[in-house]
Amino acid sequence: MSKLRVLNYTFQNLSQKNMSFKQVFHHIVQFMKKDPNGNYRLMFGTDSQVHGYYTRFITGIVIQREKKGVWACIRKVNVPRKMTNLHERISYETTLTEEIVSMFTEERKEQLINIILPNIYKGASFTIEGHIDIGSGNRNKTRVFVNEMVSRMESIGVEPKIKPDSFVASSYANRYTK
């Protein structure tokens, strides 16, 4: 059986550019090791914006220690056409999120869980969430896609979050799509 390779993506945040996934994972591990008693949420989400001749997709990765800070980065993808079909765009946003989640293999997730495991009885916790930039409200055009996209997140083992709880997609990633 051949070795699976990590996709050769680059990530960035305000202080670092051109980070490899290996560097991103290292930052997450170091962030969690600072306080192994913390309550951690590893969150992923993608948002998009249609521009003149292309559509920009931003996927955010956020590790949050509840009430005690975050470390975050993004990955940028430009599709060289206007993607005006809403279902196509929402579906591709979900696909990009799924791709990044897939880079967190069982071994990597286990490594993160093992950081807090000795402190689980002291209240430490770790969850993984997939933030989808859709809402179920009557005025939201994306409400017809909620079941489909939520099912996709559940099928890869992450807790789905939709608006107003999907802030990695609807706020953090959104800020970089402009």
C-alpha atoms as a PDB file:
ATOM      1  CA  MET A   1       0.000   0.000   0.000  1.00  0.00           C
ATOM      2  CA  SER A   2       1.449   3.372  -0.956  1.00  0.00           C
ATOM      3  CA  LYS A   3       1.915   6.126   1.607  1.00  0.00           C
ATOM      4  CA  LEU A   4      -0.716   8.827   1.558  1.00  0.00           C
ATOM      5  CA  ARG A   5       0.804  12.218   0.927  1.00  0.00           C
ATOM      6  CA  VAL A   6      -0.370  15.417   2.544  1.00  0.00           C
ATOM      7  CA  LEU A   7      -1.722  17.810  -0.035  1.00  0.00           C
ATOM      8  CA  ASN A   8       0.826  20.493  -0.840  1.00  0.00           C
ATOM      9  CA  TYR A   9      -1.222  23.489   0.274  1.00  0.00           C
ATOM     10  CA  THR A  10       0.094  26.717   1.720  1.00  0.00           C
ATOM     11  CA  PHE A  11      -1.490  28.571   4.593  1.00  0.00           C
ATOM     12  CA  GLN A  12      -1.057  32.031   6.021  1.00  0.00           C
ATOM     13  CA  ASN A  13      -2.064  34.321   8.832  1.00  0.00           C
ATOM     14  CA  LEU A  14      -1.203  37.871   9.814  1.00  0.00           C
ATOM     15  CA  SER A  15       2.267  36.947  11.057  1.00  0.00           C
ATOM     16  CA  GLN A  16       3.304  34.105   8.714  1.00  0.00           C
ATOM     17  CA  LYS A  17       2.997  33.419   4.992  1.00  0.00           C
ATOM     18  CA  ASN A  18       3.551  30.205   3.002  1.00  0.00           C
ATOM     19  CA  MET A  19       3.131  27.804   5.920  1.00  0.00           C
ATOM     20  CA  SER A  20       3.002  24.113   5.072  1.00  0.00           C
ATOM     21  CA  PHE A  21       0.352  21.913   6.663  1.00  0.00           C
ATOM     22  CA  LYS A  22       3.118  20.413   8.811  1.00  0.00           C
ATOM     23  CA  GLN A  23       3.872  23.902  10.183  1.00  0.00           C
ATOM     24  CA  VAL A  24       0.162  24.592  10.772  1.00  0.00           C
ATOM     25  CA  PHE A  25      -0.210  21.342  12.705  1.00  0.00           C
ATOM     26  CA  HIS A  26       2.913  22.170  14.741  1.00  0.00           C
ATOM     27  CA  HIS A  27       1.412  25.568  15.703  1.00  0.00           C
ATOM     28  CA  ILE A  28      -1.812  23.865  16.825  1.00  0.00           C
ATOM     29  CA  VAL A  29       0.117  21.314  18.927  1.00  0.00           C
ATOM     30  CA  GLN A  30       2.221  24.055  20.545  1.00  0.00           C
ATOM     31  CA  PHE A  31      -0.884  26.175  21.231  1.00  0.00           C
ATOM     32  CA  MET A  32      -2.579  23.258  22.991  1.00  0.00           C
ATOM     33  CA  LYS A  33       0.524  22.255  24.946  1.00  0.00           C
ATOM     34  CA  LYS A  34       0.621  25.712  26.570  1.00  0.00           C
ATOM     35  CA  ASP A  35      -2.481  24.753  28.578  1.00  0.00           C
ATOM     36  CA  PRO A  36      -3.340  21.027  28.544  1.00  0.00           C
ATOM     37  CA  ASN A  37      -6.202  21.756  30.963  1.00  0.00           C
ATOM     38  CA  GLY A  38      -8.039  23.872  28.398  1.00  0.00           C
ATOM     39  CA  ASN A  39     -11.312  23.440  26.564  1.00  0.00           C
ATOM     40  CA  TYR A  40     -10.341  23.299  22.891  1.00  0.00           C
ATOM     41  CA  ARG A  41     -12.367  23.635  19.729  1.00  0.00           C
ATOM     42  CA  LEU A  42     -10.650  22.847  16.417  1.00  0.00           C
ATOM     43  CA  MET A  43     -12.805  24.545  13.785  1.00  0.00           C
ATOM     44  CA  PHE A  44     -12.784  24.629  10.008  1.00  0.00           C
ATOM     45  CA  GLY A  45     -14.885  26.674   7.605  1.00  0.00           C
ATOM     46  CA  THR A  46     -14.887  28.108   4.088  1.00  0.00           C
ATOM     47  CA  ASP A  47     -16.490  31.194   2.586  1.00  0.00           C
ATOM     48  CA  SER A  48     -16.451  32.549  -0.962  1.00  0.00           C
ATOM     49  CA  GLN A  49     -16.892  35.773  -2.877  1.00  0.00           C
ATOM     50  CA  VAL A  50     -17.568  36.186  -6.593  1.00  0.00           C
ATOM     51  CA  HIS A  51     -15.311  38.830  -8.145  1.00  0.00           C
ATOM     52  CA  GLY A  52     -15.134  40.214 -11.712  1.00  0.00           C
ATOM     53  CA  TYR A  53     -13.410  37.278 -13.412  1.00  0.00           C
ATOM     54  CA  TYR A  54     -12.882  34.778 -10.606  1.00  0.00           C
ATOM     55  CA  THR A  55     -14.340  33.395  -7.388  1.00  0.00           C
ATOM     56  CA  ARG A  56     -12.217  33.481  -4.227  1.00  0.00           C
ATOM     57  CA  PHE A  57     -12.550  30.765  -1.592  1.00  0.00           C
ATOM     58  CA  ILE A  58     -11.006  31.135   1.862  1.00  0.00           C
ATOM     59  CA  THR A  59     -10.796  28.194   4.264  1.00  0.00           C
ATOM     60  CA  GLY A  60     -10.072  29.015   7.885  1.00  0.00           C
ATOM     61  CA  ILE A  61      -8.488  26.748  10.478  1.00  0.00           C
ATOM     62  CA  VAL A  62      -9.008  27.960  14.047  1.00  0.00           C
ATOM     63  CA  ILE A  63      -7.912  26.352  17.309  1.00  0.00           C
ATOM     64  CA  GLN A  64      -9.678  28.057  20.197  1.00  0.00           C
ATOM     65  CA  ARG A  65      -8.954  27.682  23.885  1.00  0.00           C
ATOM     66  CA  GLU A  66     -12.314  28.806  25.217  1.00  0.00           C
ATOM     67  CA  LYS A  67     -12.137  32.214  26.882  1.00  0.00           C
ATOM     68  CA  LYS A  68      -8.324  32.171  26.554  1.00  0.00           C
ATOM     69  CA  GLY A  69      -7.425  32.906  22.940  1.00  0.00           C
ATOM     70  CA  VAL A  70      -7.030  31.428  19.492  1.00  0.00           C
ATOM     71  CA  TRP A  71      -4.498  30.585  16.836  1.00  0.00           C
ATOM     72  CA  ALA A  72      -5.764  30.701  13.259  1.00  0.00           C
ATOM     73  CA  CYS A  73      -4.734  30.618   9.615  1.00  0.00           C
ATOM     74  CA  ILE A  74      -6.307  30.545   6.173  1.00  0.00           C
ATOM     75  CA  ARG A  75      -5.880  28.876   2.819  1.00  0.00           C
ATOM     76  CA  LYS A  76      -6.819  30.831  -0.314  1.00  0.00           C
ATOM     77  CA  VAL A  77      -8.130  29.298  -3.573  1.00  0.00           C
ATOM     78  CA  ASN A  78      -9.100  31.341  -6.621  1.00  0.00           C
ATOM     79  CA  VAL A  79     -11.280  29.668  -9.251  1.00  0.00           C
ATOM     80  CA  PRO A  80     -10.769  31.469 -12.593  1.00  0.00           C
ATOM     81  CA  ARG A  81     -14.461  32.050 -13.301  1.00  0.00           C
ATOM     82  CA  LYS A  82     -17.538  33.595 -11.734  1.00  0.00           C
ATOM     83  CA  MET A  83     -19.358  30.838  -9.837  1.00  0.00           C
ATOM     84  CA  THR A  84     -22.849  32.282  -9.724  1.00  0.00           C
ATOM     85  CA  ASN A  85     -24.779  29.074  -9.010  1.00  0.00           C
ATOM     86  CA  LEU A  86     -25.373  29.139  -5.245  1.00  0.00           C
ATOM     87  CA  HIS A  87     -25.551  25.358  -4.815  1.00  0.00           C
ATOM     88  CA  GLU A  88     -22.292  24.865  -6.721  1.00  0.00           C
ATOM     89  CA  ARG A  89     -20.546  27.496  -4.592  1.00  0.00           C
ATOM     90  CA  ILE A  90     -21.846  26.178  -1.244  1.00  0.00           C
ATOM     91  CA  SER A  91     -20.971  22.629  -2.281  1.00  0.00           C
ATOM     92  CA  TYR A  92     -17.434  23.650  -3.273  1.00  0.00           C
ATOM     93  CA  GLU A  93     -17.018  25.550   0.013  1.00  0.00           C
ATOM     94  CA  THR A  94     -17.949  22.345   1.828  1.00  0.00           C
ATOM     95  CA  THR A  95     -15.554  20.309  -0.340  1.00  0.00           C
ATOM     96  CA  LEU A  96     -12.662  22.646   0.479  1.00  0.00           C
ATOM     97  CA  THR A  97     -13.451  22.340   4.191  1.00  0.00           C
ATOM     98  CA  GLU A  98     -13.594  18.537   3.849  1.00  0.00           C
ATOM     99  CA  GLU A  99     -10.165  18.542   2.159  1.00  0.00           C
ATOM    100  CA  ILE A 100      -8.558  20.376   5.060  1.00  0.00           C
ATOM    101  CA  VAL A 101     -10.337  18.206   7.649  1.00  0.00           C
ATOM    102  CA  SER A 102      -9.011  15.101   5.822  1.00  0.00           C
ATOM    103  CA  MET A 103      -5.445  16.284   6.454  1.00  0.00           C
ATOM    104  CA  PHE A 104      -6.101  15.757  10.169  1.00  0.00           C
ATOM    105  CA  THR A 105      -5.621  11.990  10.026  1.00  0.00           C
ATOM    106  CA  GLU A 106      -6.639   9.690  12.872  1.00  0.00           C
ATOM    107  CA  GLU A 107      -3.015   9.754  14.073  1.00  0.00           C
ATOM    108  CA  ARG A 108      -2.955  13.556  14.121  1.00  0.00           C
ATOM    109  CA  LYS A 109      -6.311  13.789  15.902  1.00  0.00           C
ATOM    110  CA  GLU A 110      -5.072  11.247  18.432  1.00  0.00           C
ATOM    111  CA  GLN A 111      -1.941  13.351  18.986  1.00  0.00           C
ATOM    112  CA  LEU A 112      -4.122  16.381  19.782  1.00  0.00           C
ATOM    113  CA  ILE A 113      -6.450  14.398  22.040  1.00  0.00           C
ATOM    114  CA  ASN A 114      -3.466  12.962  23.929  1.00  0.00           C
ATOM    115  CA  ILE A 115      -2.416  16.497  24.909  1.00  0.00           C
ATOM    116  CA  ILE A 116      -5.563  17.029  26.975  1.00  0.00           C
ATOM    117  CA  LEU A 117      -6.339  13.381  27.855  1.00  0.00           C
ATOM    118  CA  PRO A 118      -4.485  13.357  31.207  1.00  0.00           C
ATOM    119  CA  ASN A 119      -6.622  16.355  32.242  1.00  0.00           C
ATOM    120  CA  ILE A 120     -10.017  15.191  31.045  1.00  0.00           C
ATOM    121  CA  TYR A 121     -11.219  14.629  34.622  1.00  0.00           C
ATOM    122  CA  LYS A 122     -10.118  18.147  35.506  1.00  0.00           C
ATOM    123  CA  GLY A 123     -12.451  19.529  32.836  1.00  0.00           C
ATOM    124  CA  ALA A 124     -10.223  19.565  29.738  1.00  0.00           C
ATOM    125  CA  SER A 125     -12.019  18.943  26.439  1.00  0.00           C
ATOM    126  CA  PHE A 126     -11.458  18.784  22.686  1.00  0.00           C
ATOM    127  CA  THR A 127     -14.035  19.012  19.882  1.00  0.00           C
ATOM    128  CA  ILE A 128     -13.786  19.279  16.098  1.00  0.00           C
ATOM    129  CA  GLU A 129     -16.299  21.444  14.230  1.00  0.00           C
ATOM    130  CA  GLY A 130     -17.087  22.104  10.585  1.00  0.00           C
ATOM    131  CA  HIS A 131     -18.519  25.589  10.092  1.00  0.00           C
ATOM    132  CA  ILE A 132     -20.781  25.924   7.051  1.00  0.00           C
ATOM    133  CA  ASP A 133     -21.741  29.347   5.703  1.00  0.00           C
ATOM    134  CA  ILE A 134     -25.443  28.524   5.452  1.00  0.00           C
ATOM    135  CA  GLY A 135     -28.508  29.240   7.544  1.00  0.00           C
ATOM    136  CA  SER A 136     -31.890  27.667   8.133  1.00  0.00           C
ATOM    137  CA  GLY A 137     -33.859  30.888   8.537  1.00  0.00           C
ATOM    138  CA  ASN A 138     -36.818  31.503   6.215  1.00  0.00           C
ATOM    139  CA  ARG A 139     -35.096  34.515   4.621  1.00  0.00           C
ATOM    140  CA  ASN A 140     -31.851  32.619   3.969  1.00  0.00           C
ATOM    141  CA  LYS A 141     -31.432  31.419   0.359  1.00  0.00           C
ATOM    142  CA  THR A 142     -29.093  28.630   1.519  1.00  0.00           C
ATOM    143  CA  ARG A 143     -31.649  26.945   3.806  1.00  0.00           C
ATOM    144  CA  VAL A 144     -32.467  24.350   1.099  1.00  0.00           C
ATOM    145  CA  PHE A 145     -28.856  23.054   1.343  1.00  0.00           C
ATOM    146  CA  VAL A 146     -28.688  22.701   5.141  1.00  0.00           C
ATOM    147  CA  ASN A 147     -29.479  18.959   5.361  1.00  0.00           C
ATOM    148  CA  GLU A 148     -27.089  18.062   2.542  1.00  0.00           C
ATOM    149  CA  MET A 149     -24.113  20.061   3.873  1.00  0.00           C
ATOM    150  CA  VAL A 150     -24.723  19.097   7.518  1.00  0.00           C
ATOM    151  CA  SER A 151     -24.792  15.413   6.476  1.00  0.00           C
ATOM    152  CA  ARG A 152     -21.482  15.845   4.668  1.00  0.00           C
ATOM    153  CA  MET A 153     -19.831  17.285   7.794  1.00  0.00           C
ATOM    154  CA  GLU A 154     -21.286  14.530   9.988  1.00  0.00           C
ATOM    155  CA  SER A 155     -20.069  11.850   7.554  1.00  0.00           C
ATOM    156  CA  ILE A 156     -16.438  12.937   8.075  1.00  0.00           C
ATOM    157  CA  GLY A 157     -16.778  12.945  11.861  1.00  0.00           C
ATOM    158  CA  VAL A 158     -16.964  16.653  12.633  1.00  0.00           C
ATOM    159  CA  GLU A 159     -19.708  18.513  14.441  1.00  0.00           C
ATOM    160  CA  PRO A 160     -21.501  20.720  11.892  1.00  0.00           C
ATOM    161  CA  LYS A 161     -22.288  24.335  12.759  1.00  0.00           C
ATOM    162  CA  ILE A 162     -24.522  26.620  10.682  1.00  0.00           C
ATOM    163  CA  LYS A 163     -25.368  30.313  11.042  1.00  0.00           C
ATOM    164  CA  PRO A 164     -25.353  31.961  13.509  1.00  0.00           C
ATOM    165  CA  ASP A 165     -22.828  29.512  15.053  1.00  0.00           C
ATOM    166  CA  SER A 166     -20.588  29.073  11.970  1.00  0.00           C
ATOM    167  CA  PHE A 167     -18.315  32.038  12.673  1.00  0.00           C
ATOM    168  CA  VAL A 168     -15.147  30.518  11.162  1.00  0.00           C
ATOM    169  CA  ALA A 169     -16.864  30.524   7.748  1.00  0.00           C
ATOM    170  CA  SER A 170     -19.222  33.470   8.102  1.00  0.00           C
ATOM    171  CA  SER A 171     -16.848  35.864   9.920  1.00  0.00           C
ATOM    172  CA  TYR A 172     -13.188  34.787   9.939  1.00  0.00           C
ATOM    173  CA  ALA A 173     -12.933  33.369   6.384  1.00  0.00           C
ATOM    174  CA  ASN A 174     -15.381  35.969   5.068  1.00  0.00           C
ATOM    175  CA  ARG A 175     -13.030  38.788   6.053  1.00  0.00           C
ATOM    176  CA  TYR A 176     -10.401  37.511   3.574  1.00  0.00           C
ATOM    177  CA  THR A 177     -12.689  36.865   0.572  1.00  0.00           C
ATOM    178  CA  LYS A 178     -12.987  40.543  -0.388  1.00  0.00           C
END
